[in-house]
PDBML (XML) file of the C-alpha atoms, coordinates in Angstrom:
<?xml version="1.0" encoding="UTF-8" ?>
<PDBx:datablock datablockName="MODEL"
   xmlns:PDBx="http://pdbml.pdb.org/schema/pdbx-v50.xsd"
   xmlns:xsi="http://www.w3.org/2001/XMLSchema-instance"
   xsi:schemaLocation="http://pdbml.pdb.org/schema/pdbx-v50.xsd pdbx-v50.xsd">
   <PDBx:atom_siteCategory>
      <PDBx:atom_site id="1">
         <PDBx:B_iso_or_equiv>0.00</PDBx:B_iso_or_equiv>
         <PDBx:Cartn_x>-101.131</PDBx:Cartn_x>
         <PDBx:Cartn_y>-33.272</PDBx:Cartn_y>
         <PDBx:Cartn_z>57.905</PDBx:Cartn_z>
         <PDBx:auth_asym_id>A</PDBx:auth_asym_id>
         <PDBx:auth_atom_id>CA</PDBx:auth_atom_id>
         <PDBx:auth_comp_id>GLY</PDBx:auth_comp_id>
         <PDBx:auth_seq_id>1</PDBx:auth_seq_id>
         <PDBx:group_PDB>ATOM</PDBx:group_PDB>
         <PDBx:label_alt_id xsi:nil="true" />
         <PDBx:label_asym_id>A</PDBx:label_asym_id>
         <PDBx:label_atom_id>CA</PDBx:label_atom_id>
         <PDBx:label_comp_id>GLY</PDBx:label_comp_id>
         <PDBx:label_entity_id>1</PDBx:label_entity_id>
         <PDBx:label_seq_id>1</PDBx:label_seq_id>
         <PDBx:occupancy>1.00</PDBx:occupancy>
         <PDBx:pdbx_PDB_model_num>1</PDBx:pdbx_PDB_model_num>
         <PDBx:type_symbol>C</PDBx:type_symbol>
      </PDBx:atom_site>
      <PDBx:atom_site id="2">
         <PDBx:B_iso_or_equiv>0.00</PDBx:B_iso_or_equiv>
         <PDBx:Cartn_x>-99.579</PDBx:Cartn_x>
         <PDBx:Cartn_y>-35.975</PDBx:Cartn_y>
         <PDBx:Cartn_z>56.035</PDBx:Cartn_z>
         <PDBx:auth_asym_id>A</PDBx:auth_asym_id>
         <PDBx:auth_atom_id>CA</PDBx:auth_atom_id>
         <PDBx:auth_comp_id>MET</PDBx:auth_comp_id>
         <PDBx:auth_seq_id>2</PDBx:auth_seq_id>
         <PDBx:group_PDB>ATOM</PDBx:group_PDB>
         <PDBx:label_alt_id xsi:nil="true" />
         <PDBx:label_asym_id>A</PDBx:label_asym_id>
         <PDBx:label_atom_id>CA</PDBx:label_atom_id>
         <PDBx:label_comp_id>MET</PDBx:label_comp_id>
         <PDBx:label_entity_id>1</PDBx:label_entity_id>
         <PDBx:label_seq_id>2</PDBx:label_seq_id>
         <PDBx:occupancy>1.00</PDBx:occupancy>
         <PDBx:pdbx_PDB_model_num>1</PDBx:pdbx_PDB_model_num>
         <PDBx:type_symbol>C</PDBx:type_symbol>
      </PDBx:atom_site>
      <PDBx:atom_site id="3">
         <PDBx:B_iso_or_equiv>0.00</PDBx:B_iso_or_equiv>
         <PDBx:Cartn_x>-101.197</PDBx:Cartn_x>
         <PDBx:Cartn_y>-38.483</PDBx:Cartn_y>
         <PDBx:Cartn_z>53.526</PDBx:Cartn_z>
         <PDBx:auth_asym_id>A</PDBx:auth_asym_id>
         <PDBx:auth_atom_id>CA</PDBx:auth_atom_id>
         <PDBx:auth_comp_id>PRO</PDBx:auth_comp_id>
         <PDBx:auth_seq_id>3</PDBx:auth_seq_id>
         <PDBx:group_PDB>ATOM</PDBx:group_PDB>
         <PDBx:label_alt_id xsi:nil="true" />
         <PDBx:label_asym_id>A</PDBx:label_asym_id>
         <PDBx:label_atom_id>CA</PDBx:label_atom_id>
         <PDBx:label_comp_id>PRO</PDBx:label_comp_id>
         <PDBx:label_entity_id>1</PDBx:label_entity_id>
         <PDBx:label_seq_id>3</PDBx:label_seq_id>
         <PDBx:occupancy>1.00</PDBx:occupancy>
         <PDBx:pdbx_PDB_model_num>1</PDBx:pdbx_PDB_model_num>
         <PDBx:type_symbol>C</PDBx:type_symbol>
      </PDBx:atom_site>
      <PDBx:atom_site id="4">
         <PDBx:B_iso_or_equiv>0.00</PDBx:B_iso_or_equiv>
         <PDBx:Cartn_x>-101.225</PDBx:Cartn_x>
         <PDBx:Cartn_y>-41.744</PDBx:Cartn_y>
         <PDBx:Cartn_z>55.624</PDBx:Cartn_z>
         <PDBx:auth_asym_id>A</PDBx:auth_asym_id>
         <PDBx:auth_atom_id>CA</PDBx:auth_atom_id>
         <PDBx:auth_comp_id>PHE</PDBx:auth_comp_id>
         <PDBx:auth_seq_id>4</PDBx:auth_seq_id>
         <PDBx:group_PDB>ATOM</PDBx:group_PDB>
         <PDBx:label_alt_id xsi:nil="true" />
         <PDBx:label_asym_id>A</PDBx:label_asym_id>
         <PDBx:label_atom_id>CA</PDBx:label_atom_id>
         <PDBx:label_comp_id>PHE</PDBx:label_comp_id>
         <PDBx:label_entity_id>1</PDBx:label_entity_id>
         <PDBx:label_seq_id>4</PDBx:label_seq_id>
         <PDBx:occupancy>1.00</PDBx:occupancy>
         <PDBx:pdbx_PDB_model_num>1</PDBx:pdbx_PDB_model_num>
         <PDBx:type_symbol>C</PDBx:type_symbol>
      </PDBx:atom_site>
      <PDBx:atom_site id="5">
         <PDBx:B_iso_or_equiv>0.00</PDBx:B_iso_or_equiv>
         <PDBx:Cartn_x>-102.945</PDBx:Cartn_x>
         <PDBx:Cartn_y>-44.934</PDBx:Cartn_y>
         <PDBx:Cartn_z>53.418</PDBx:Cartn_z>
         <PDBx:auth_asym_id>A</PDBx:auth_asym_id>
         <PDBx:auth_atom_id>CA</PDBx:auth_atom_id>
         <PDBx:auth_comp_id>GLU</PDBx:auth_comp_id>
         <PDBx:auth_seq_id>5</PDBx:auth_seq_id>
         <PDBx:group_PDB>ATOM</PDBx:group_PDB>
         <PDBx:label_alt_id xsi:nil="true" />
         <PDBx:label_asym_id>A</PDBx:label_asym_id>
         <PDBx:label_atom_id>CA</PDBx:label_atom_id>
         <PDBx:label_comp_id>GLU</PDBx:label_comp_id>
         <PDBx:label_entity_id>1</PDBx:label_entity_id>
         <PDBx:label_seq_id>5</PDBx:label_seq_id>
         <PDBx:occupancy>1.00</PDBx:occupancy>
         <PDBx:pdbx_PDB_model_num>1</PDBx:pdbx_PDB_model_num>
         <PDBx:type_symbol>C</PDBx:type_symbol>
      </PDBx:atom_site>
      <PDBx:atom_site id="6">
         <PDBx:B_iso_or_equiv>0.00</PDBx:B_iso_or_equiv>
         <PDBx:Cartn_x>-99.808</PDBx:Cartn_x>
         <PDBx:Cartn_y>-45.844</PDBx:Cartn_y>
         <PDBx:Cartn_z>51.567</PDBx:Cartn_z>
         <PDBx:auth_asym_id>A</PDBx:auth_asym_id>
         <PDBx:auth_atom_id>CA</PDBx:auth_atom_id>
         <PDBx:auth_comp_id>ALA</PDBx:auth_comp_id>
         <PDBx:auth_seq_id>6</PDBx:auth_seq_id>
         <PDBx:group_PDB>ATOM</PDBx:group_PDB>
         <PDBx:label_alt_id xsi:nil="true" />
         <PDBx:label_asym_id>A</PDBx:label_asym_id>
         <PDBx:label_atom_id>CA</PDBx:label_atom_id>
         <PDBx:label_comp_id>ALA</PDBx:label_comp_id>
         <PDBx:label_entity_id>1</PDBx:label_entity_id>
         <PDBx:label_seq_id>6</PDBx:label_seq_id>
         <PDBx:occupancy>1.00</PDBx:occupancy>
         <PDBx:pdbx_PDB_model_num>1</PDBx:pdbx_PDB_model_num>
         <PDBx:type_symbol>C</PDBx:type_symbol>
      </PDBx:atom_site>
      <PDBx:atom_site id="7">
         <PDBx:B_iso_or_equiv>0.00</PDBx:B_iso_or_equiv>
         <PDBx:Cartn_x>-97.761</PDBx:Cartn_x>
         <PDBx:Cartn_y>-45.423</PDBx:Cartn_y>
         <PDBx:Cartn_z>54.927</PDBx:Cartn_z>
         <PDBx:auth_asym_id>A</PDBx:auth_asym_id>
         <PDBx:auth_atom_id>CA</PDBx:auth_atom_id>
         <PDBx:auth_comp_id>ALA</PDBx:auth_comp_id>
         <PDBx:auth_seq_id>7</PDBx:auth_seq_id>
         <PDBx:group_PDB>ATOM</PDBx:group_PDB>
         <PDBx:label_alt_id xsi:nil="true" />
         <PDBx:label_asym_id>A</PDBx:label_asym_id>
         <PDBx:label_atom_id>CA</PDBx:label_atom_id>
         <PDBx:label_comp_id>ALA</PDBx:label_comp_id>
         <PDBx:label_entity_id>1</PDBx:label_entity_id>
         <PDBx:label_seq_id>7</PDBx:label_seq_id>
         <PDBx:occupancy>1.00</PDBx:occupancy>
         <PDBx:pdbx_PDB_model_num>1</PDBx:pdbx_PDB_model_num>
         <PDBx:type_symbol>C</PDBx:type_symbol>
      </PDBx:atom_site>
      <PDBx:atom_site id="8">
         <PDBx:B_iso_or_equiv>0.00</PDBx:B_iso_or_equiv>
         <PDBx:Cartn_x>-100.295</PDBx:Cartn_x>
         <PDBx:Cartn_y>-47.660</PDBx:Cartn_y>
         <PDBx:Cartn_z>56.955</PDBx:Cartn_z>
         <PDBx:auth_asym_id>A</PDBx:auth_asym_id>
         <PDBx:auth_atom_id>CA</PDBx:auth_atom_id>
         <PDBx:auth_comp_id>GLU</PDBx:auth_comp_id>
         <PDBx:auth_seq_id>8</PDBx:auth_seq_id>
         <PDBx:group_PDB>ATOM</PDBx:group_PDB>
         <PDBx:label_alt_id xsi:nil="true" />
         <PDBx:label_asym_id>A</PDBx:label_asym_id>
         <PDBx:label_atom_id>CA</PDBx:label_atom_id>
         <PDBx:label_comp_id>GLU</PDBx:label_comp_id>
         <PDBx:label_entity_id>1</PDBx:label_entity_id>
         <PDBx:label_seq_id>8</PDBx:label_seq_id>
         <PDBx:occupancy>1.00</PDBx:occupancy>
         <PDBx:pdbx_PDB_model_num>1</PDBx:pdbx_PDB_model_num>
         <PDBx:type_symbol>C</PDBx:type_symbol>
      </PDBx:atom_site>
      <PDBx:atom_site id="9">
         <PDBx:B_iso_or_equiv>0.00</PDBx:B_iso_or_equiv>
         <PDBx:Cartn_x>-100.330</PDBx:Cartn_x>
         <PDBx:Cartn_y>-50.331</PDBx:Cartn_y>
         <PDBx:Cartn_z>54.696</PDBx:Cartn_z>
         <PDBx:auth_asym_id>A</PDBx:auth_asym_id>
         <PDBx:auth_atom_id>CA</PDBx:auth_atom_id>
         <PDBx:auth_comp_id>GLN</PDBx:auth_comp_id>
         <PDBx:auth_seq_id>9</PDBx:auth_seq_id>
         <PDBx:group_PDB>ATOM</PDBx:group_PDB>
         <PDBx:label_alt_id xsi:nil="true" />
         <PDBx:label_asym_id>A</PDBx:label_asym_id>
         <PDBx:label_atom_id>CA</PDBx:label_atom_id>
         <PDBx:label_comp_id>GLN</PDBx:label_comp_id>
         <PDBx:label_entity_id>1</PDBx:label_entity_id>
         <PDBx:label_seq_id>9</PDBx:label_seq_id>
         <PDBx:occupancy>1.00</PDBx:occupancy>
         <PDBx:pdbx_PDB_model_num>1</PDBx:pdbx_PDB_model_num>
         <PDBx:type_symbol>C</PDBx:type_symbol>
      </PDBx:atom_site>
      <PDBx:atom_site id="10">
         <PDBx:B_iso_or_equiv>0.00</PDBx:B_iso_or_equiv>
         <PDBx:Cartn_x>-96.358</PDBx:Cartn_x>
         <PDBx:Cartn_y>-50.318</PDBx:Cartn_y>
         <PDBx:Cartn_z>54.577</PDBx:Cartn_z>
         <PDBx:auth_asym_id>A</PDBx:auth_asym_id>
         <PDBx:auth_atom_id>CA</PDBx:auth_atom_id>
         <PDBx:auth_comp_id>ILE</PDBx:auth_comp_id>
         <PDBx:auth_seq_id>10</PDBx:auth_seq_id>
         <PDBx:group_PDB>ATOM</PDBx:group_PDB>
         <PDBx:label_alt_id xsi:nil="true" />
         <PDBx:label_asym_id>A</PDBx:label_asym_id>
         <PDBx:label_atom_id>CA</PDBx:label_atom_id>
         <PDBx:label_comp_id>ILE</PDBx:label_comp_id>
         <PDBx:label_entity_id>1</PDBx:label_entity_id>
         <PDBx:label_seq_id>10</PDBx:label_seq_id>
         <PDBx:occupancy>1.00</PDBx:occupancy>
         <PDBx:pdbx_PDB_model_num>1</PDBx:pdbx_PDB_model_num>
         <PDBx:type_symbol>C</PDBx:type_symbol>
      </PDBx:atom_site>
      <PDBx:atom_site id="11">
         <PDBx:B_iso_or_equiv>0.00</PDBx:B_iso_or_equiv>
         <PDBx:Cartn_x>-96.023</PDBx:Cartn_x>
         <PDBx:Cartn_y>-50.189</PDBx:Cartn_y>
         <PDBx:Cartn_z>58.395</PDBx:Cartn_z>
         <PDBx:auth_asym_id>A</PDBx:auth_asym_id>
         <PDBx:auth_atom_id>CA</PDBx:auth_atom_id>
         <PDBx:auth_comp_id>VAL</PDBx:auth_comp_id>
         <PDBx:auth_seq_id>11</PDBx:auth_seq_id>
         <PDBx:group_PDB>ATOM</PDBx:group_PDB>
         <PDBx:label_alt_id xsi:nil="true" />
         <PDBx:label_asym_id>A</PDBx:label_asym_id>
         <PDBx:label_atom_id>CA</PDBx:label_atom_id>
         <PDBx:label_comp_id>VAL</PDBx:label_comp_id>
         <PDBx:label_entity_id>1</PDBx:label_entity_id>
         <PDBx:label_seq_id>11</PDBx:label_seq_id>
         <PDBx:occupancy>1.00</PDBx:occupancy>
         <PDBx:pdbx_PDB_model_num>1</PDBx:pdbx_PDB_model_num>
         <PDBx:type_symbol>C</PDBx:type_symbol>
      </PDBx:atom_site>
      <PDBx:atom_site id="12">
         <PDBx:B_iso_or_equiv>0.00</PDBx:B_iso_or_equiv>
         <PDBx:Cartn_x>-98.884</PDBx:Cartn_x>
         <PDBx:Cartn_y>-52.988</PDBx:Cartn_y>
         <PDBx:Cartn_z>58.439</PDBx:Cartn_z>
         <PDBx:auth_asym_id>A</PDBx:auth_asym_id>
         <PDBx:auth_atom_id>CA</PDBx:auth_atom_id>
         <PDBx:auth_comp_id>ALA</PDBx:auth_comp_id>
         <PDBx:auth_seq_id>12</PDBx:auth_seq_id>
         <PDBx:group_PDB>ATOM</PDBx:group_PDB>
         <PDBx:label_alt_id xsi:nil="true" />
         <PDBx:label_asym_id>A</PDBx:label_asym_id>
         <PDBx:label_atom_id>CA</PDBx:label_atom_id>
         <PDBx:label_comp_id>ALA</PDBx:label_comp_id>
         <PDBx:label_entity_id>1</PDBx:label_entity_id>
         <PDBx:label_seq_id>12</PDBx:label_seq_id>
         <PDBx:occupancy>1.00</PDBx:occupancy>
         <PDBx:pdbx_PDB_model_num>1</PDBx:pdbx_PDB_model_num>
         <PDBx:type_symbol>C</PDBx:type_symbol>
      </PDBx:atom_site>
      <PDBx:atom_site id="13">
         <PDBx:B_iso_or_equiv>0.00</PDBx:B_iso_or_equiv>
         <PDBx:Cartn_x>-96.468</PDBx:Cartn_x>
         <PDBx:Cartn_y>-55.127</PDBx:Cartn_y>
         <PDBx:Cartn_z>56.319</PDBx:Cartn_z>
         <PDBx:auth_asym_id>A</PDBx:auth_asym_id>
         <PDBx:auth_atom_id>CA</PDBx:auth_atom_id>
         <PDBx:auth_comp_id>GLU</PDBx:auth_comp_id>
         <PDBx:auth_seq_id>13</PDBx:auth_seq_id>
         <PDBx:group_PDB>ATOM</PDBx:group_PDB>
         <PDBx:label_alt_id xsi:nil="true" />
         <PDBx:label_asym_id>A</PDBx:label_asym_id>
         <PDBx:label_atom_id>CA</PDBx:label_atom_id>
         <PDBx:label_comp_id>GLU</PDBx:label_comp_id>
         <PDBx:label_entity_id>1</PDBx:label_entity_id>
         <PDBx:label_seq_id>13</PDBx:label_seq_id>
         <PDBx:occupancy>1.00</PDBx:occupancy>
         <PDBx:pdbx_PDB_model_num>1</PDBx:pdbx_PDB_model_num>
         <PDBx:type_symbol>C</PDBx:type_symbol>
      </PDBx:atom_site>
      <PDBx:atom_site id="14">
         <PDBx:B_iso_or_equiv>0.00</PDBx:B_iso_or_equiv>
         <PDBx:Cartn_x>-93.554</PDBx:Cartn_x>
         <PDBx:Cartn_y>-54.275</PDBx:Cartn_y>
         <PDBx:Cartn_z>58.217</PDBx:Cartn_z>
         <PDBx:auth_asym_id>A</PDBx:auth_asym_id>
         <PDBx:auth_atom_id>CA</PDBx:auth_atom_id>
         <PDBx:auth_comp_id>LEU</PDBx:auth_comp_id>
         <PDBx:auth_seq_id>14</PDBx:auth_seq_id>
         <PDBx:group_PDB>ATOM</PDBx:group_PDB>
         <PDBx:label_alt_id xsi:nil="true" />
         <PDBx:label_asym_id>A</PDBx:label_asym_id>
         <PDBx:label_atom_id>CA</PDBx:label_atom_id>
         <PDBx:label_comp_id>LEU</PDBx:label_comp_id>
         <PDBx:label_entity_id>1</PDBx:label_entity_id>
         <PDBx:label_seq_id>14</PDBx:label_seq_id>
         <PDBx:occupancy>1.00</PDBx:occupancy>
         <PDBx:pdbx_PDB_model_num>1</PDBx:pdbx_PDB_model_num>
         <PDBx:type_symbol>C</PDBx:type_symbol>
      </PDBx:atom_site>
      <PDBx:atom_site id="15">
         <PDBx:B_iso_or_equiv>0.00</PDBx:B_iso_or_equiv>
         <PDBx:Cartn_x>-95.121</PDBx:Cartn_x>
         <PDBx:Cartn_y>-54.491</PDBx:Cartn_y>
         <PDBx:Cartn_z>61.246</PDBx:Cartn_z>
         <PDBx:auth_asym_id>A</PDBx:auth_asym_id>
         <PDBx:auth_atom_id>CA</PDBx:auth_atom_id>
         <PDBx:auth_comp_id>ALA</PDBx:auth_comp_id>
         <PDBx:auth_seq_id>15</PDBx:auth_seq_id>
         <PDBx:group_PDB>ATOM</PDBx:group_PDB>
         <PDBx:label_alt_id xsi:nil="true" />
         <PDBx:label_asym_id>A</PDBx:label_asym_id>
         <PDBx:label_atom_id>CA</PDBx:label_atom_id>
         <PDBx:label_comp_id>ALA</PDBx:label_comp_id>
         <PDBx:label_entity_id>1</PDBx:label_entity_id>
         <PDBx:label_seq_id>15</PDBx:label_seq_id>
         <PDBx:occupancy>1.00</PDBx:occupancy>
         <PDBx:pdbx_PDB_model_num>1</PDBx:pdbx_PDB_model_num>
         <PDBx:type_symbol>C</PDBx:type_symbol>
      </PDBx:atom_site>
      <PDBx:atom_site id="16">
         <PDBx:B_iso_or_equiv>0.00</PDBx:B_iso_or_equiv>
         <PDBx:Cartn_x>-96.463</PDBx:Cartn_x>
         <PDBx:Cartn_y>-58.286</PDBx:Cartn_y>
         <PDBx:Cartn_z>60.802</PDBx:Cartn_z>
         <PDBx:auth_asym_id>A</PDBx:auth_asym_id>
         <PDBx:auth_atom_id>CA</PDBx:auth_atom_id>
         <PDBx:auth_comp_id>ASN</PDBx:auth_comp_id>
         <PDBx:auth_seq_id>16</PDBx:auth_seq_id>
         <PDBx:group_PDB>ATOM</PDBx:group_PDB>
         <PDBx:label_alt_id xsi:nil="true" />
         <PDBx:label_asym_id>A</PDBx:label_asym_id>
         <PDBx:label_atom_id>CA</PDBx:label_atom_id>
         <PDBx:label_comp_id>ASN</PDBx:label_comp_id>
         <PDBx:label_entity_id>1</PDBx:label_entity_id>
         <PDBx:label_seq_id>16</PDBx:label_seq_id>
         <PDBx:occupancy>1.00</PDBx:occupancy>
         <PDBx:pdbx_PDB_model_num>1</PDBx:pdbx_PDB_model_num>
         <PDBx:type_symbol>C</PDBx:type_symbol>
      </PDBx:atom_site>
      <PDBx:atom_site id="17">
         <PDBx:B_iso_or_equiv>0.00</PDBx:B_iso_or_equiv>
         <PDBx:Cartn_x>-93.282</PDBx:Cartn_x>
         <PDBx:Cartn_y>-59.176</PDBx:Cartn_y>
         <PDBx:Cartn_z>59.130</PDBx:Cartn_z>
         <PDBx:auth_asym_id>A</PDBx:auth_asym_id>
         <PDBx:auth_atom_id>CA</PDBx:auth_atom_id>
         <PDBx:auth_comp_id>ASN</PDBx:auth_comp_id>
         <PDBx:auth_seq_id>17</PDBx:auth_seq_id>
         <PDBx:group_PDB>ATOM</PDBx:group_PDB>
         <PDBx:label_alt_id xsi:nil="true" />
         <PDBx:label_asym_id>A</PDBx:label_asym_id>
         <PDBx:label_atom_id>CA</PDBx:label_atom_id>
         <PDBx:label_comp_id>ASN</PDBx:label_comp_id>
         <PDBx:label_entity_id>1</PDBx:label_entity_id>
         <PDBx:label_seq_id>17</PDBx:label_seq_id>
         <PDBx:occupancy>1.00</PDBx:occupancy>
         <PDBx:pdbx_PDB_model_num>1</PDBx:pdbx_PDB_model_num>
         <PDBx:type_symbol>C</PDBx:type_symbol>
      </PDBx:atom_site>
      <PDBx:atom_site id="18">
         <PDBx:B_iso_or_equiv>0.00</PDBx:B_iso_or_equiv>
         <PDBx:Cartn_x>-91.521</PDBx:Cartn_x>
         <PDBx:Cartn_y>-58.162</PDBx:Cartn_y>
         <PDBx:Cartn_z>62.828</PDBx:Cartn_z>
         <PDBx:auth_asym_id>A</PDBx:auth_asym_id>
         <PDBx:auth_atom_id>CA</PDBx:auth_atom_id>
         <PDBx:auth_comp_id>ALA</PDBx:auth_comp_id>
         <PDBx:auth_seq_id>18</PDBx:auth_seq_id>
         <PDBx:group_PDB>ATOM</PDBx:group_PDB>
         <PDBx:label_alt_id xsi:nil="true" />
         <PDBx:label_asym_id>A</PDBx:label_asym_id>
         <PDBx:label_atom_id>CA</PDBx:label_atom_id>
         <PDBx:label_comp_id>ALA</PDBx:label_comp_id>
         <PDBx:label_entity_id>1</PDBx:label_entity_id>
         <PDBx:label_seq_id>18</PDBx:label_seq_id>
         <PDBx:occupancy>1.00</PDBx:occupancy>
         <PDBx:pdbx_PDB_model_num>1</PDBx:pdbx_PDB_model_num>
         <PDBx:type_symbol>C</PDBx:type_symbol>
      </PDBx:atom_site>
      <PDBx:atom_site id="19">
         <PDBx:B_iso_or_equiv>0.00</PDBx:B_iso_or_equiv>
         <PDBx:Cartn_x>-93.552</PDBx:Cartn_x>
         <PDBx:Cartn_y>-59.864</PDBx:Cartn_y>
         <PDBx:Cartn_z>64.714</PDBx:Cartn_z>
         <PDBx:auth_asym_id>A</PDBx:auth_asym_id>
         <PDBx:auth_atom_id>CA</PDBx:auth_atom_id>
         <PDBx:auth_comp_id>ALA</PDBx:auth_comp_id>
         <PDBx:auth_seq_id>19</PDBx:auth_seq_id>
         <PDBx:group_PDB>ATOM</PDBx:group_PDB>
         <PDBx:label_alt_id xsi:nil="true" />
         <PDBx:label_asym_id>A</PDBx:label_asym_id>
         <PDBx:label_atom_id>CA</PDBx:label_atom_id>
         <PDBx:label_comp_id>ALA</PDBx:label_comp_id>
         <PDBx:label_entity_id>1</PDBx:label_entity_id>
         <PDBx:label_seq_id>19</PDBx:label_seq_id>
         <PDBx:occupancy>1.00</PDBx:occupancy>
         <PDBx:pdbx_PDB_model_num>1</PDBx:pdbx_PDB_model_num>
         <PDBx:type_symbol>C</PDBx:type_symbol>
      </PDBx:atom_site>
      <PDBx:atom_site id="20">
         <PDBx:B_iso_or_equiv>0.00</PDBx:B_iso_or_equiv>
         <PDBx:Cartn_x>-93.901</PDBx:Cartn_x>
         <PDBx:Cartn_y>-63.021</PDBx:Cartn_y>
         <PDBx:Cartn_z>63.012</PDBx:Cartn_z>
         <PDBx:auth_asym_id>A</PDBx:auth_asym_id>
         <PDBx:auth_atom_id>CA</PDBx:auth_atom_id>
         <PDBx:auth_comp_id>LEU</PDBx:auth_comp_id>
         <PDBx:auth_seq_id>20</PDBx:auth_seq_id>
         <PDBx:group_PDB>ATOM</PDBx:group_PDB>
         <PDBx:label_alt_id xsi:nil="true" />
         <PDBx:label_asym_id>A</PDBx:label_asym_id>
         <PDBx:label_atom_id>CA</PDBx:label_atom_id>
         <PDBx:label_comp_id>LEU</PDBx:label_comp_id>
         <PDBx:label_entity_id>1</PDBx:label_entity_id>
         <PDBx:label_seq_id>20</PDBx:label_seq_id>
         <PDBx:occupancy>1.00</PDBx:occupancy>
         <PDBx:pdbx_PDB_model_num>1</PDBx:pdbx_PDB_model_num>
         <PDBx:type_symbol>C</PDBx:type_symbol>
      </PDBx:atom_site>
      <PDBx:atom_site id="21">
         <PDBx:B_iso_or_equiv>0.00</PDBx:B_iso_or_equiv>
         <PDBx:Cartn_x>-90.452</PDBx:Cartn_x>
         <PDBx:Cartn_y>-63.364</PDBx:Cartn_y>
         <PDBx:Cartn_z>61.159</PDBx:Cartn_z>
         <PDBx:auth_asym_id>A</PDBx:auth_asym_id>
         <PDBx:auth_atom_id>CA</PDBx:auth_atom_id>
         <PDBx:auth_comp_id>HIS</PDBx:auth_comp_id>
         <PDBx:auth_seq_id>21</PDBx:auth_seq_id>
         <PDBx:group_PDB>ATOM</PDBx:group_PDB>
         <PDBx:label_alt_id xsi:nil="true" />
         <PDBx:label_asym_id>A</PDBx:label_asym_id>
         <PDBx:label_atom_id>CA</PDBx:label_atom_id>
         <PDBx:label_comp_id>HIS</PDBx:label_comp_id>
         <PDBx:label_entity_id>1</PDBx:label_entity_id>
         <PDBx:label_seq_id>21</PDBx:label_seq_id>
         <PDBx:occupancy>1.00</PDBx:occupancy>
         <PDBx:pdbx_PDB_model_num>1</PDBx:pdbx_PDB_model_num>
         <PDBx:type_symbol>C</PDBx:type_symbol>
      </PDBx:atom_site>
      <PDBx:atom_site id="22">
         <PDBx:B_iso_or_equiv>0.00</PDBx:B_iso_or_equiv>
         <PDBx:Cartn_x>-88.439</PDBx:Cartn_x>
         <PDBx:Cartn_y>-61.058</PDBx:Cartn_y>
         <PDBx:Cartn_z>63.875</PDBx:Cartn_z>
         <PDBx:auth_asym_id>A</PDBx:auth_asym_id>
         <PDBx:auth_atom_id>CA</PDBx:auth_atom_id>
         <PDBx:auth_comp_id>GLY</PDBx:auth_comp_id>
         <PDBx:auth_seq_id>22</PDBx:auth_seq_id>
         <PDBx:group_PDB>ATOM</PDBx:group_PDB>
         <PDBx:label_alt_id xsi:nil="true" />
         <PDBx:label_asym_id>A</PDBx:label_asym_id>
         <PDBx:label_atom_id>CA</PDBx:label_atom_id>
         <PDBx:label_comp_id>GLY</PDBx:label_comp_id>
         <PDBx:label_entity_id>1</PDBx:label_entity_id>
         <PDBx:label_seq_id>22</PDBx:label_seq_id>
         <PDBx:occupancy>1.00</PDBx:occupancy>
         <PDBx:pdbx_PDB_model_num>1</PDBx:pdbx_PDB_model_num>
         <PDBx:type_symbol>C</PDBx:type_symbol>
      </PDBx:atom_site>
      <PDBx:atom_site id="23">
         <PDBx:B_iso_or_equiv>0.00</PDBx:B_iso_or_equiv>
         <PDBx:Cartn_x>-90.041</PDBx:Cartn_x>
         <PDBx:Cartn_y>-61.942</PDBx:Cartn_y>
         <PDBx:Cartn_z>66.881</PDBx:Cartn_z>
         <PDBx:auth_asym_id>A</PDBx:auth_asym_id>
         <PDBx:auth_atom_id>CA</PDBx:auth_atom_id>
         <PDBx:auth_comp_id>HIS</PDBx:auth_comp_id>
         <PDBx:auth_seq_id>23</PDBx:auth_seq_id>
         <PDBx:group_PDB>ATOM</PDBx:group_PDB>
         <PDBx:label_alt_id xsi:nil="true" />
         <PDBx:label_asym_id>A</PDBx:label_asym_id>
         <PDBx:label_atom_id>CA</PDBx:label_atom_id>
         <PDBx:label_comp_id>HIS</PDBx:label_comp_id>
         <PDBx:label_entity_id>1</PDBx:label_entity_id>
         <PDBx:label_seq_id>23</PDBx:label_seq_id>
         <PDBx:occupancy>1.00</PDBx:occupancy>
         <PDBx:pdbx_PDB_model_num>1</PDBx:pdbx_PDB_model_num>
         <PDBx:type_symbol>C</PDBx:type_symbol>
      </PDBx:atom_site>
      <PDBx:atom_site id="24">
         <PDBx:B_iso_or_equiv>0.00</PDBx:B_iso_or_equiv>
         <PDBx:Cartn_x>-88.003</PDBx:Cartn_x>
         <PDBx:Cartn_y>-63.060</PDBx:Cartn_y>
         <PDBx:Cartn_z>69.848</PDBx:Cartn_z>
         <PDBx:auth_asym_id>A</PDBx:auth_asym_id>
         <PDBx:auth_atom_id>CA</PDBx:auth_atom_id>
         <PDBx:auth_comp_id>VAL</PDBx:auth_comp_id>
         <PDBx:auth_seq_id>24</PDBx:auth_seq_id>
         <PDBx:group_PDB>ATOM</PDBx:group_PDB>
         <PDBx:label_alt_id xsi:nil="true" />
         <PDBx:label_asym_id>A</PDBx:label_asym_id>
         <PDBx:label_atom_id>CA</PDBx:label_atom_id>
         <PDBx:label_comp_id>VAL</PDBx:label_comp_id>
         <PDBx:label_entity_id>1</PDBx:label_entity_id>
         <PDBx:label_seq_id>24</PDBx:label_seq_id>
         <PDBx:occupancy>1.00</PDBx:occupancy>
         <PDBx:pdbx_PDB_model_num>1</PDBx:pdbx_PDB_model_num>
         <PDBx:type_symbol>C</PDBx:type_symbol>
      </PDBx:atom_site>
      <PDBx:atom_site id="25">
         <PDBx:B_iso_or_equiv>0.00</PDBx:B_iso_or_equiv>
         <PDBx:Cartn_x>-89.476</PDBx:Cartn_x>
         <PDBx:Cartn_y>-63.750</PDBx:Cartn_y>
         <PDBx:Cartn_z>73.245</PDBx:Cartn_z>
         <PDBx:auth_asym_id>A</PDBx:auth_asym_id>
         <PDBx:auth_atom_id>CA</PDBx:auth_atom_id>
         <PDBx:auth_comp_id>PRO</PDBx:auth_comp_id>
         <PDBx:auth_seq_id>25</PDBx:auth_seq_id>
         <PDBx:group_PDB>ATOM</PDBx:group_PDB>
         <PDBx:label_alt_id xsi:nil="true" />
         <PDBx:label_asym_id>A</PDBx:label_asym_id>
         <PDBx:label_atom_id>CA</PDBx:label_atom_id>
         <PDBx:label_comp_id>PRO</PDBx:label_comp_id>
         <PDBx:label_entity_id>1</PDBx:label_entity_id>
         <PDBx:label_seq_id>25</PDBx:label_seq_id>
         <PDBx:occupancy>1.00</PDBx:occupancy>
         <PDBx:pdbx_PDB_model_num>1</PDBx:pdbx_PDB_model_num>
         <PDBx:type_symbol>C</PDBx:type_symbol>
      </PDBx:atom_site>
   </PDBx:atom_siteCategory>
</PDBx:datablock>
């Protein structure tokens, strides 16, 4: 029951950075 729009965008950015810059095979 929490507002999710801003949090969803933050997760998208941080997760994308983890996949792009934090990736280790």
